[in-house]
Structure formats: structure tokens, C-alpha cells
PDB file of N, CA and C in Angstrom:
ATOM      1  N   TRP A   1      86.188 121.357  90.179  1.00  0.00           N
ATOM      2  CA  TRP A   1      85.671 121.424  91.550  1.00  0.00           C
ATOM      3  C   TRP A   1      86.752 120.985  92.372  1.00  0.00           C
ATOM      4  N   ALA A   2      87.582 120.085  92.292  1.00  0.00           N
ATOM      5  CA  ALA A   2      88.570 119.549  93.473  1.00  0.00           C
ATOM      6  C   ALA A   2      89.714 121.004  94.035  1.00  0.00           C
ATOM      7  N   ASP A   3      89.854 121.433  92.933  1.00  0.00           N
ATOM      8  CA  ASP A   3      90.811 122.672  93.068  1.00  0.00           C
ATOM      9  C   ASP A   3      89.911 123.498  93.509  1.00  0.00           C
ATOM     10  N   PHE A   4      88.664 123.994  93.746  1.00  0.00           N
ATOM     11  CA  PHE A   4      88.039 124.815  94.438  1.00  0.00           C
ATOM     12  C   PHE A   4      87.828 124.182  95.749  1.00  0.00           C
ATOM     13  N   CYS A   5      87.601 123.187  96.106  1.00  0.00           N
ATOM     14  CA  CYS A   5      87.543 122.500  97.330  1.00  0.00           C
ATOM     15  C   CYS A   5      88.283 122.604  97.955  1.00  0.00           C
ATOM     16  N   LYS A   6      89.998 122.480  97.392  1.00  0.00           N
ATOM     17  CA  LYS A   6      91.058 122.449  97.967  1.00  0.00           C
ATOM     18  C   LYS A   6      91.520 124.186  98.604  1.00  0.00           C
ATOM     19  N   ALA A   7      90.887 124.654  97.817  1.00  0.00           N
ATOM     20  CA  ALA A   7      91.332 126.321  98.072  1.00  0.00           C
ATOM     21  C   ALA A   7      90.713 126.555  98.993  1.00  0.00           C
ATOM     22  N   LEU A   8      89.170 126.220  99.499  1.00  0.00           N
ATOM     23  CA  LEU A   8      88.554 126.718 100.537  1.00  0.00           C
ATOM     24  C   LEU A   8      89.016 126.152 101.763  1.00  0.00           C
ATOM     25  N   LEU A   9      89.825 124.534 101.518  1.00  0.00           N
ATOM     26  CA  LEU A   9      90.458 124.160 102.377  1.00  0.00           C
ATOM     27  C   LEU A   9      91.901 124.879 102.936  1.00  0.00           C
ATOM     28  N   VAL A  10      92.328 125.360 102.398  1.00  0.00           N
ATOM     29  CA  VAL A  10      93.656 126.156 102.645  1.00  0.00           C
ATOM     30  C   VAL A  10      93.362 127.363 103.652  1.00  0.00           C
ATOM     31  N   GLU A  11      92.000 128.064 103.038  1.00  0.00           N
ATOM     32  CA  GLU A  11      91.662 129.066 103.599  1.00  0.00           C
ATOM     33  C   GLU A  11      91.495 128.949 105.014  1.00  0.00           C
ATOM     34  N   ALA A  12      90.622 127.536 105.222  1.00  0.00           N
ATOM     35  CA  ALA A  12      90.150 127.245 106.348  1.00  0.00           C
ATOM     36  C   ALA A  12      91.496 126.653 107.440  1.00  0.00           C
ATOM     37  N   GLU A  13      92.570 126.167 106.850  1.00  0.00           N
ATOM     38  CA  GLU A  13      93.371 126.002 107.700  1.00  0.00           C
ATOM     39  C   GLU A  13      94.490 127.362 108.032  1.00  0.00           C
ATOM     40  N   TRP A  14      94.872 128.486 107.120  1.00  0.00           N
ATOM     41  CA  TRP A  14      94.735 130.008 107.631  1.00  0.00           C
ATOM     42  C   TRP A  14      93.546 130.254 108.790  1.00  0.00           C
ATOM     43  N   TYR A  15      92.847 130.080 108.790  1.00  0.00           N
ATOM     44  CA  TYR A  15      91.952 130.221 109.707  1.00  0.00           C
ATOM     45  C   TYR A  15      92.361 129.949 111.197  1.00  0.00           C
ATOM     46  N   ASN A  16      92.150 128.527 111.060  1.00  0.00           N
ATOM     47  CA  ASN A  16      92.290 127.630 111.944  1.00  0.00           C
ATOM     48  C   ASN A  16      93.573 128.133 112.467  1.00  0.00           C
ATOM     49  N   LYS A  17      94.887 128.298 111.851  1.00  0.00           N
ATOM     50  CA  LYS A  17      96.227 128.182 112.611  1.00  0.00           C
ATOM     51  C   LYS A  17      96.380 130.023 112.471  1.00  0.00           C
ATOM     52  N   SER A  18      95.492 130.830 112.425  1.00  0.00           N
ATOM     53  CA  SER A  18      95.623 132.252 112.609  1.00  0.00           C
ATOM     54  C   SER A  18      96.747 133.130 111.314  1.00  0.00           C
ATOM     55  N   HIS A  19      96.975 132.313 110.501  1.00  0.00           N
ATOM     56  CA  HIS A  19      98.144 132.337 109.539  1.00  0.00           C
ATOM     57  C   HIS A  19      97.078 133.411 108.521  1.00  0.00           C
ATOM     58  N   ILE A  20      98.089 134.436 108.886  1.00  0.00           N
ATOM     59  CA  ILE A  20      98.099 135.705 107.507  1.00  0.00           C
ATOM     60  C   ILE A  20      99.310 135.456 106.449  1.00  0.00           C
ATOM     61  N   PRO A  21      98.726 134.816 105.339  1.00  0.00           N
ATOM     62  CA  PRO A  21      99.949 134.336 103.922  1.00  0.00           C
ATOM     63  C   PRO A  21     100.208 135.974 103.740  1.00  0.00           C
ATOM     64  N   THR A  22     101.340 135.517 102.688  1.00  0.00           N
ATOM     65  CA  THR A  22     101.548 136.877 101.886  1.00  0.00           C
ATOM     66  C   THR A  22     100.643 137.089 100.938  1.00  0.00           C
ATOM     67  N   LEU A  23     100.395 138.514 100.551  1.00  0.00           N
ATOM     68  CA  LEU A  23      99.343 138.631  99.242  1.00  0.00           C
ATOM     69  C   LEU A  23      99.861 137.887  98.232  1.00  0.00           C
ATOM     70  N   GLU A  24     100.978 137.489  97.827  1.00  0.00           N
ATOM     71  CA  GLU A  24     101.050 136.486  96.426  1.00  0.00           C
ATOM     72  C   GLU A  24     100.586 134.841  97.051  1.00  0.00           C
ATOM     73  N   GLU A  25     100.332 134.401  97.980  1.00  0.00           N
ATOM     74  CA  GLU A  25     100.183 133.173  98.220  1.00  0.00           C
ATOM     75  C   GLU A  25      98.608 133.591  98.616  1.00  0.00           C
ATOM     76  N   TYR A  26      97.910 134.116  99.093  1.00  0.00           N
ATOM     77  CA  TYR A  26      96.542 134.748  99.191  1.00  0.00           C
ATOM     78  C   TYR A  26      95.650 134.679  97.526  1.00  0.00           C
ATOM     79  N   LEU A  27      96.418 135.473  97.086  1.00  0.00           N
ATOM     80  CA  LEU A  27      95.938 136.174  95.717  1.00  0.00           C
ATOM     81  C   LEU A  27      95.812 134.757  94.801  1.00  0.00           C
ATOM     82  N   ARG A  28      97.011 133.375  94.807  1.00  0.00           N
ATOM     83  CA  ARG A  28      97.302 132.744  93.950  1.00  0.00           C
ATOM     84  C   ARG A  28      95.963 131.159  94.470  1.00  0.00           C
ATOM     85  N   ASN A  29      95.510 131.356  95.909  1.00  0.00           N
ATOM     86  CA  ASN A  29      94.565 130.755  96.250  1.00  0.00           C
ATOM     87  C   ASN A  29      93.203 131.531  95.989  1.00  0.00           C
ATOM     88  N   GLY A  30      93.376 132.724  96.436  1.00  0.00           N
ATOM     89  CA  GLY A  30      92.117 133.776  95.952  1.00  0.00           C
ATOM     90  C   GLY A  30      91.407 133.530  95.001  1.00  0.00           C
ATOM     91  N   CYS A  31      92.489 133.597  94.110  1.00  0.00           N
ATOM     92  CA  CYS A  31      91.571 133.455  92.373  1.00  0.00           C
ATOM     93  C   CYS A  31      91.084 131.992  92.114  1.00  0.00           C
ATOM     94  N   ILE A  32      91.170 131.068  92.849  1.00  0.00           N
ATOM     95  CA  ILE A  32      90.412 129.588  92.782  1.00  0.00           C
ATOM     96  C   ILE A  32      89.389 129.693  93.579  1.00  0.00           C
ATOM     97  N   SER A  33      89.827 130.307  94.800  1.00  0.00           N
ATOM     98  CA  SER A  33      88.249 130.209  95.810  1.00  0.00           C
ATOM     99  C   SER A  33      87.327 131.152  95.452  1.00  0.00           C
ATOM    100  N   SER A  34      87.909 132.055  94.402  1.00  0.00           N
ATOM    101  CA  SER A  34      86.670 133.216  94.178  1.00  0.00           C
ATOM    102  C   SER A  34      85.367 132.361  93.552  1.00  0.00           C
ATOM    103  N   SER A  35      85.902 131.284  93.081  1.00  0.00           N
ATOM    104  CA  SER A  35      84.522 130.052  92.463  1.00  0.00           C
ATOM    105  C   SER A  35      84.306 130.795  90.930  1.00  0.00           C
ATOM    106  N   VAL A  36      85.221 131.740  90.199  1.00  0.00           N
ATOM    107  CA  VAL A  36      84.729 132.117  88.889  1.00  0.00           C
ATOM    108  C   VAL A  36      85.156 130.451  87.722  1.00  0.00           C
ATOM    109  N   SER A  37      86.080 129.741  87.771  1.00  0.00           N
ATOM    110  CA  SER A  37      85.932 128.785  86.951  1.00  0.00           C
ATOM    111  C   SER A  37      85.051 127.952  87.171  1.00  0.00           C
ATOM    112  N   VAL A  38      85.069 127.579  88.522  1.00  0.00           N
ATOM    113  CA  VAL A  38      83.497 126.882  88.391  1.00  0.00           C
ATOM    114  C   VAL A  38      82.221 126.786  88.235  1.00  0.00           C
ATOM    115  N   LEU A  39      82.255 128.375  88.023  1.00  0.00           N
ATOM    116  CA  LEU A  39      80.777 129.362  87.681  1.00  0.00           C
ATOM    117  C   LEU A  39      80.588 128.804  86.290  1.00  0.00           C
ATOM    118  N   LEU A  40      81.956 129.354  85.918  1.00  0.00           N
ATOM    119  CA  LEU A  40      82.084 129.178  84.568  1.00  0.00           C
ATOM    120  C   LEU A  40      81.628 128.130  83.674  1.00  0.00           C
ATOM    121  N   VAL A  41      82.304 126.946  84.355  1.00  0.00           N
ATOM    122  CA  VAL A  41      81.787 125.727  83.584  1.00  0.00           C
ATOM    123  C   VAL A  41      80.665 124.946  83.850  1.00  0.00           C
ATOM    124  N   HIS A  42      79.755 125.433  85.212  1.00  0.00           N
ATOM    125  CA  HIS A  42      78.304 125.446  85.246  1.00  0.00           C
ATOM    126  C   HIS A  42      77.426 125.969  84.181  1.00  0.00           C
ATOM    127  N   SER A  43      78.051 127.453  83.972  1.00  0.00           N
ATOM    128  CA  SER A  43      76.833 127.776  83.021  1.00  0.00           C
ATOM    129  C   SER A  43      77.278 127.597  81.698  1.00  0.00           C
ATOM    130  N   PHE A  44      78.285 127.309  81.223  1.00  0.00           N
ATOM    131  CA  PHE A  44      78.595 126.980  79.773  1.00  0.00           C
ATOM    132  C   PHE A  44      77.680 125.361  79.653  1.00  0.00           C
ATOM    133  N   PHE A  45      77.506 124.395  80.640  1.00  0.00           N
ATOM    134  CA  PHE A  45      77.046 123.237  80.087  1.00  0.00           C
ATOM    135  C   PHE A  45      75.891 123.539  80.576  1.00  0.00           C
ATOM    136  N   SER A  46      74.847 124.515  81.144  1.00  0.00           N
ATOM    137  CA  SER A  46      73.855 124.794  81.374  1.00  0.00           C
ATOM    138  C   SER A  46      73.061 125.269  79.998  1.00  0.00           C
ATOM    139  N   ILE A  47      73.774 125.937  79.437  1.00  0.00           N
ATOM    140  CA  ILE A  47      73.394 126.710  78.028  1.00  0.00           C
ATOM    141  C   ILE A  47      73.617 125.874  77.034  1.00  0.00           C
ATOM    142  N   THR A  48      74.811 124.993  76.772  1.00  0.00           N
ATOM    143  CA  THR A  48      74.922 124.157  75.902  1.00  0.00           C
ATOM    144  C   THR A  48      74.974 122.768  75.676  1.00  0.00           C
ATOM    145  N   HIS A  49      75.091 122.275  77.240  1.00  0.00           N
ATOM    146  CA  HIS A  49      74.741 120.486  77.187  1.00  0.00           C
ATOM    147  C   HIS A  49      76.011 119.864  76.196  1.00  0.00           C
ATOM    148  N   GLU A  50      77.134 120.464  76.356  1.00  0.00           N
ATOM    149  CA  GLU A  50      78.038 119.907  74.988  1.00  0.00           C
ATOM    150  C   GLU A  50      79.301 119.327  75.850  1.00  0.00           C
ATOM    151  N   GLY A  51      80.068 118.754  75.298  1.00  0.00           N
ATOM    152  CA  GLY A  51      80.937 117.855  76.007  1.00  0.00           C
ATOM    153  C   GLY A  51      81.999 117.928  76.905  1.00  0.00           C
ATOM    154  N   THR A  52      83.134 117.575  77.423  1.00  0.00           N
ATOM    155  CA  THR A  52      83.645 118.244  78.351  1.00  0.00           C
ATOM    156  C   THR A  52      85.331 118.667  77.171  1.00  0.00           C
ATOM    157  N   LYS A  53      85.145 118.166  76.439  1.00  0.00           N
ATOM    158  CA  LYS A  53      86.705 118.486  75.594  1.00  0.00           C
ATOM    159  C   LYS A  53      86.733 119.819  75.052  1.00  0.00           C
ATOM    160  N   GLU A  54      85.555 120.661  74.618  1.00  0.00           N
ATOM    161  CA  GLU A  54      85.052 121.555  74.588  1.00  0.00           C
ATOM    162  C   GLU A  54      85.658 122.637  75.475  1.00  0.00           C
ATOM    163  N   MET A  55      84.979 122.138  76.560  1.00  0.00           N
ATOM    164  CA  MET A  55      85.350 123.090  77.942  1.00  0.00           C
ATOM    165  C   MET A  55      86.537 122.909  78.256  1.00  0.00           C
ATOM    166  N   ALA A  56      87.678 121.757  78.154  1.00  0.00           N
ATOM    167  CA  ALA A  56      88.508 121.717  78.857  1.00  0.00           C
ATOM    168  C   ALA A  56      89.473 122.409  78.155  1.00  0.00           C
ATOM    169  N   ASP A  57      89.191 122.615  76.294  1.00  0.00           N
ATOM    170  CA  ASP A  57      89.994 122.907  75.542  1.00  0.00           C
ATOM    171  C   ASP A  57      90.032 124.509  75.879  1.00  0.00           C
ATOM    172  N   PHE A  58      88.834 125.090  76.304  1.00  0.00           N
ATOM    173  CA  PHE A  58      88.519 126.558  76.394  1.00  0.00           C
ATOM    174  C   PHE A  58      89.449 127.143  77.721  1.00  0.00           C
ATOM    175  N   LEU A  59      89.321 126.384  78.715  1.00  0.00           N
ATOM    176  CA  LEU A  59      89.953 126.585  80.001  1.00  0.00           C
ATOM    177  C   LEU A  59      91.115 126.523  79.676  1.00  0.00           C
ATOM    178  N   HIS A  60      91.855 125.270  79.117  1.00  0.00           N
ATOM    179  CA  HIS A  60      93.268 125.454  78.601  1.00  0.00           C
ATOM    180  C   HIS A  60      93.954 126.463  78.138  1.00  0.00           C
ATOM    181  N   LYS A  61      92.947 127.403  77.119  1.00  0.00           N
ATOM    182  CA  LYS A  61      93.929 127.952  76.153  1.00  0.00           C
ATOM    183  C   LYS A  61      93.366 129.441  76.498  1.00  0.00           C
ATOM    184  N   ASN A  62      92.823 129.735  77.763  1.00  0.00           N
ATOM    185  CA  ASN A  62      92.447 131.008  78.270  1.00  0.00           C
ATOM    186  C   ASN A  62      92.464 131.066  79.711  1.00  0.00           C
ATOM    187  N   GLU A  63      93.447 130.231  79.833  1.00  0.00           N
ATOM    188  CA  GLU A  63      94.109 130.733  81.545  1.00  0.00           C
ATOM    189  C   GLU A  63      94.327 131.649  81.615  1.00  0.00           C
ATOM    190  N   ASP A  64      95.046 132.604  81.283  1.00  0.00           N
ATOM    191  CA  ASP A  64      95.411 133.801  81.487  1.00  0.00           C
ATOM    192  C   ASP A  64      93.702 134.749  81.588  1.00  0.00           C
ATOM    193  N   LEU A  65      93.109 134.646  81.282  1.00  0.00           N
ATOM    194  CA  LEU A  65      91.793 135.316  80.980  1.00  0.00           C
ATOM    195  C   LEU A  65      91.286 134.644  81.707  1.00  0.00           C
ATOM    196  N   LEU A  66      91.009 133.693  82.507  1.00  0.00           N
ATOM    197  CA  LEU A  66      90.480 133.350  83.453  1.00  0.00           C
ATOM    198  C   LEU A  66      90.806 133.427  84.845  1.00  0.00           C
ATOM    199  N   TYR A  67      92.254 133.985  84.886  1.00  0.00           N
ATOM    200  CA  TYR A  67      92.668 133.751  85.726  1.00  0.00           C
ATOM    201  C   TYR A  67      92.722 135.358  86.229  1.00  0.00           C
ATOM    202  N   ASN A  68      92.766 136.398  85.170  1.00  0.00           N
ATOM    203  CA  ASN A  68      92.470 137.775  85.227  1.00  0.00           C
ATOM    204  C   ASN A  68      90.954 138.233  85.771  1.00  0.00           C
ATOM    205  N   ILE A  69      90.250 137.181  85.437  1.00  0.00           N
ATOM    206  CA  ILE A  69      88.703 137.251  85.467  1.00  0.00           C
ATOM    207  C   ILE A  69      88.316 136.896  87.207  1.00  0.00           C
ATOM    208  N   SER A  70      89.295 135.990  87.260  1.00  0.00           N
ATOM    209  CA  SER A  70      88.842 135.555  88.893  1.00  0.00           C
ATOM    210  C   SER A  70      89.865 136.440  89.610  1.00  0.00           C
ATOM    211  N   LEU A  71      90.713 137.247  89.641  1.00  0.00           N
ATOM    212  CA  LEU A  71      91.825 138.186  90.468  1.00  0.00           C
ATOM    213  C   LEU A  71      90.776 138.963  90.712  1.00  0.00           C
ATOM    214  N   ILE A  72      89.648 139.918  89.578  1.00  0.00           N
ATOM    215  CA  ILE A  72      89.247 140.857  89.619  1.00  0.00           C
ATOM    216  C   ILE A  72      88.094 140.754  90.537  1.00  0.00           C
ATOM    217  N   VAL A  73      87.589 139.392  90.384  1.00  0.00           N
ATOM    218  CA  VAL A  73      85.934 139.133  91.769  1.00  0.00           C
ATOM    219  C   VAL A  73      86.786 138.835  92.807  1.00  0.00           C
ATOM    220  N   ARG A  74      88.153 138.406  93.131  1.00  0.00           N
ATOM    221  CA  ARG A  74      88.351 138.038  94.242  1.00  0.00           C
ATOM    222  C   ARG A  74      88.993 139.475  95.151  1.00  0.00           C
ATOM    223  N   LEU A  75      89.402 140.698  94.524  1.00  0.00           N
ATOM    224  CA  LEU A  75      89.596 141.647  94.809  1.00  0.00           C
ATOM    225  C   LEU A  75      88.628 142.495  95.165  1.00  0.00           C
ATOM    226  N   ASN A  76      87.715 142.652  94.036  1.00  0.00           N
ATOM    227  CA  ASN A  76      86.353 143.371  94.551  1.00  0.00           C
ATOM    228  C   ASN A  76      85.157 142.908  95.612  1.00  0.00           C
ATOM    229  N   ASN A  77      85.672 141.552  95.701  1.00  0.00           N
ATOM    230  CA  ASN A  77      84.627 141.045  96.914  1.00  0.00           C
ATOM    231  C   ASN A  77      85.396 141.536  98.314  1.00  0.00           C
ATOM    232  N   ASP A  78      87.083 141.467  98.366  1.00  0.00           N
ATOM    233  CA  ASP A  78      87.732 141.664  99.387  1.00  0.00           C
ATOM    234  C   ASP A  78      87.484 143.463  99.602  1.00  0.00           C
ATOM    235  N   LEU A  79      87.323 144.429  98.655  1.00  0.00           N
ATOM    236  CA  LEU A  79      86.871 145.563  99.187  1.00  0.00           C
ATOM    237  C   LEU A  79      85.624 145.716  99.274  1.00  0.00           C
ATOM    238  N   GLY A  80      84.530 144.638  99.147  1.00  0.00           N
ATOM    239  CA  GLY A  80      83.227 145.231  99.814  1.00  0.00           C
ATOM    240  C   GLY A  80      82.982 144.437 100.922  1.00  0.00           C
ATOM    241  N   THR A  81      83.837 143.548 101.222  1.00  0.00           N
ATOM    242  CA  THR A  81      83.663 142.892 102.863  1.00  0.00           C
ATOM    243  C   THR A  81      84.919 142.597 103.953  1.00  0.00           C
ATOM    244  N   SER A  82      86.009 143.275 103.484  1.00  0.00           N
ATOM    245  CA  SER A  82      86.805 142.933 104.269  1.00  0.00           C
ATOM    246  C   SER A  82      86.750 143.807 105.784  1.00  0.00           C
ATOM    247  N   ALA A  83      86.192 144.756 105.848  1.00  0.00           N
ATOM    248  CA  ALA A  83      85.734 145.368 107.308  1.00  0.00           C
ATOM    249  C   ALA A  83      85.040 144.000 108.395  1.00  0.00           C
ATOM    250  N   ALA A  84      84.068 143.995 107.289  1.00  0.00           N
ATOM    251  CA  ALA A  84      83.054 142.980 108.273  1.00  0.00           C
ATOM    252  C   ALA A  84      83.472 141.710 108.461  1.00  0.00           C
ATOM    253  N   GLU A  85      84.338 141.305 107.696  1.00  0.00           N
ATOM    254  CA  GLU A  85      85.160 140.079 107.924  1.00  0.00           C
ATOM    255  C   GLU A  85      86.256 139.997 108.760  1.00  0.00           C
ATOM    256  N   GLN A  86      87.017 141.197 109.084  1.00  0.00           N
ATOM    257  CA  GLN A  86      87.692 141.103 109.923  1.00  0.00           C
ATOM    258  C   GLN A  86      87.587 141.357 111.511  1.00  0.00           C
ATOM    259  N   GLU A  87      85.969 141.891 111.256  1.00  0.00           N
ATOM    260  CA  GLU A  87      85.503 142.124 112.798  1.00  0.00           C
ATOM    261  C   GLU A  87      84.676 140.715 113.087  1.00  0.00           C
ATOM    262  N   ARG A  88      85.099 139.785 112.422  1.00  0.00           N
ATOM    263  CA  ARG A  88      83.749 138.364 112.971  1.00  0.00           C
ATOM    264  C   ARG A  88      85.469 137.480 113.360  1.00  0.00           C
ATOM    265  N   GLY A  89      86.451 137.526 112.936  1.00  0.00           N
ATOM    266  CA  GLY A  89      87.625 136.908 112.575  1.00  0.00           C
ATOM    267  C   GLY A  89      88.044 135.709 111.655  1.00  0.00           C
ATOM    268  N   ASP A  90      87.453 136.337 110.384  1.00  0.00           N
ATOM    269  CA  ASP A  90      87.186 135.378 109.395  1.00  0.00           C
ATOM    270  C   ASP A  90      88.729 135.462 108.808  1.00  0.00           C
ATOM    271  N   SER A  91      88.956 134.383 108.167  1.00  0.00           N
ATOM    272  CA  SER A  91      90.224 134.565 107.072  1.00  0.00           C
ATOM    273  C   SER A  91      91.067 135.860 106.626  1.00  0.00           C
ATOM    274  N   PRO A  92      92.474 136.192 106.509  1.00  0.00           N
ATOM    275  CA  PRO A  92      92.605 137.209 106.064  1.00  0.00           C
ATOM    276  C   PRO A  92      91.938 137.669 104.791  1.00  0.00           C
ATOM    277  N   SER A  93      91.889 138.645 103.894  1.00  0.00           N
ATOM    278  CA  SER A  93      91.576 139.236 102.593  1.00  0.00           C
ATOM    279  C   SER A  93      93.007 139.831 101.826  1.00  0.00           C
ATOM    280  N   SER A  94      92.754 140.266 101.093  1.00  0.00           N
ATOM    281  CA  SER A  94      93.863 141.204 100.348  1.00  0.00           C
ATOM    282  C   SER A  94      94.107 141.941 101.008  1.00  0.00           C
ATOM    283  N   ILE A  95      93.295 142.554 101.557  1.00  0.00           N
ATOM    284  CA  ILE A  95      93.509 143.785 102.266  1.00  0.00           C
ATOM    285  C   ILE A  95      94.556 143.560 103.521  1.00  0.00           C
ATOM    286  N   VAL A  96      93.988 142.922 104.249  1.00  0.00           N
ATOM    287  CA  VAL A  96      94.800 142.167 105.792  1.00  0.00           C
ATOM    288  C   VAL A  96      96.444 141.823 105.253  1.00  0.00           C
ATOM    289  N   CYS A  97      96.330 141.291 104.335  1.00  0.00           N
ATOM    290  CA  CYS A  97      97.770 140.319 103.665  1.00  0.00           C
ATOM    291  C   CYS A  97      98.330 141.650 103.276  1.00  0.00           C
ATOM    292  N   TYR A  98      97.839 142.689 102.438  1.00  0.00           N
ATOM    293  CA  TYR A  98      98.984 143.678 102.133  1.00  0.00           C
ATOM    294  C   TYR A  98      99.294 144.527 103.367  1.00  0.00           C
ATOM    295  N   MET A  99      98.172 144.741 104.050  1.00  0.00           N
ATOM    296  CA  MET A  99      98.920 145.785 105.336  1.00  0.00           C
ATOM    297  C   MET A  99      99.733 145.124 105.987  1.00  0.00           C
ATOM    298  N   ARG A 100      99.559 143.691 106.114  1.00  0.00           N
ATOM    299  CA  ARG A 100     100.945 143.122 107.169  1.00  0.00           C
ATOM    300  C   ARG A 100     102.256 142.932 106.357  1.00  0.00           C
ATOM    301  N   GLU A 101     102.020 142.919 104.869  1.00  0.00           N
ATOM    302  CA  GLU A 101     103.450 142.771 104.057  1.00  0.00           C
ATOM    303  C   GLU A 101     103.625 143.641 104.164  1.00  0.00           C
ATOM    304  N   VAL A 102     103.771 145.363 103.952  1.00  0.00           N
ATOM    305  CA  VAL A 102     103.834 146.154 103.636  1.00  0.00           C
ATOM    306  C   VAL A 102     103.985 147.233 105.437  1.00  0.00           C
ATOM    307  N   ASN A 103     103.238 146.901 106.114  1.00  0.00           N
ATOM    308  CA  ASN A 103     102.919 147.315 107.246  1.00  0.00           C
ATOM    309  C   ASN A 103     102.593 149.125 106.801  1.00  0.00           C
ATOM    310  N   ALA A 104     101.020 148.517 106.119  1.00  0.00           N
ATOM    311  CA  ALA A 104     100.533 150.014 105.708  1.00  0.00           C
ATOM    312  C   ALA A 104      99.183 150.103 106.143  1.00  0.00           C
ATOM    313  N   SER A 105      98.830 151.191 106.543  1.00  0.00           N
ATOM    314  CA  SER A 105      96.827 151.114 106.988  1.00  0.00           C
ATOM    315  C   SER A 105      96.110 150.812 106.191  1.00  0.00           C
ATOM    316  N   GLU A 106      95.324 150.723 106.458  1.00  0.00           N
ATOM    317  CA  GLU A 106      94.198 150.327 105.745  1.00  0.00           C
ATOM    318  C   GLU A 106      93.734 150.821 104.670  1.00  0.00           C
ATOM    319  N   GLU A 107      93.403 152.126 104.747  1.00  0.00           N
ATOM    320  CA  GLU A 107      93.147 152.920 103.856  1.00  0.00           C
ATOM    321  C   GLU A 107      94.070 153.048 102.508  1.00  0.00           C
ATOM    322  N   THR A 108      95.711 152.478 102.962  1.00  0.00           N
ATOM    323  CA  THR A 108      96.643 152.686 102.081  1.00  0.00           C
ATOM    324  C   THR A 108      96.350 150.978 101.136  1.00  0.00           C
ATOM    325  N   ALA A 109      95.968 150.348 102.152  1.00  0.00           N
ATOM    326  CA  ALA A 109      95.523 148.906 101.451  1.00  0.00           C
ATOM    327  C   ALA A 109      94.524 148.820 100.214  1.00  0.00           C
ATOM    328  N   ARG A 110      93.680 149.443 100.775  1.00  0.00           N
ATOM    329  CA  ARG A 110      92.247 149.979 100.087  1.00  0.00           C
ATOM    330  C   ARG A 110      92.724 150.336  98.669  1.00  0.00           C
ATOM    331  N   LYS A 111      93.673 151.488  98.983  1.00  0.00           N
ATOM    332  CA  LYS A 111      93.879 152.418  97.550  1.00  0.00           C
ATOM    333  C   LYS A 111      94.670 151.353  96.854  1.00  0.00           C
ATOM    334  N   ASN A 112      95.668 150.824  97.290  1.00  0.00           N
ATOM    335  CA  ASN A 112      96.879 149.555  96.184  1.00  0.00           C
ATOM    336  C   ASN A 112      95.623 148.717  95.707  1.00  0.00           C
ATOM    337  N   ILE A 113      95.045 148.431  96.454  1.00  0.00           N
ATOM    338  CA  ILE A 113      93.712 146.898  95.879  1.00  0.00           C
ATOM    339  C   ILE A 113      93.041 147.549  94.746  1.00  0.00           C
ATOM    340  N   LYS A 114      92.517 148.603  95.015  1.00  0.00           N
ATOM    341  CA  LYS A 114      91.955 149.777  93.716  1.00  0.00           C
ATOM    342  C   LYS A 114      92.675 149.658  92.451  1.00  0.00           C
TER     343      LYS A 114
END
């Protein structure tokens, strides 16, 4: 939960400062703010009601798997909501970060993100 809350705070700071991070910065933070690990932990405990050591071991042994799942969730979320978020002036998405970083059109950025 702490990492998730910190990631949301980072996004709020980007928004308040009108900061557009690099794509790498965005994805590093976005994989955490996608909430996949938080949902996974809650799902595990609601099903098993087992101790925290098993879940901690699982998370540690499968960091790459969790990162990749989080990345897929984050990028799919951005592809589905980016235009609406841009119109509202929300914090940047992977699409906006990519567009700015390589001076690309939105169409090119969307193709690259897919």
C-alpha cells in the first residue's frame, strides 16, 4: 500500500507542476500506480486467509512477472483513456510522454505503445 500511495503522490506532483516525465519515469511509477500488486495481495488474502510470509515470498520470487502484468495493465489503461484525460488536463499518460520524448504524433505514439 505504501508504494501505491507514493506512486499516486508522484502523479499528483507531476500534475500540479505540469511536469511531463520521460516515458521511462512514467512507466516505472505507472506500474506501481496501476494497482496490480495491491489487487493481487488483496485477492490472495480474500481467497486463502493465509499468513503474510507466503505472499511476501511469492511477490519477491515473481517480481518480473508482477512488473510485466502491471506494465500491460498500465499501457492498456492509457490506450483506453488517454484522449479523455488529455482533454481534462489530467497527469500525463504513456502516450503523452512518448509523444513529447520523440516528438511524435498521437497516432504514432499509440502504435508504439500497442
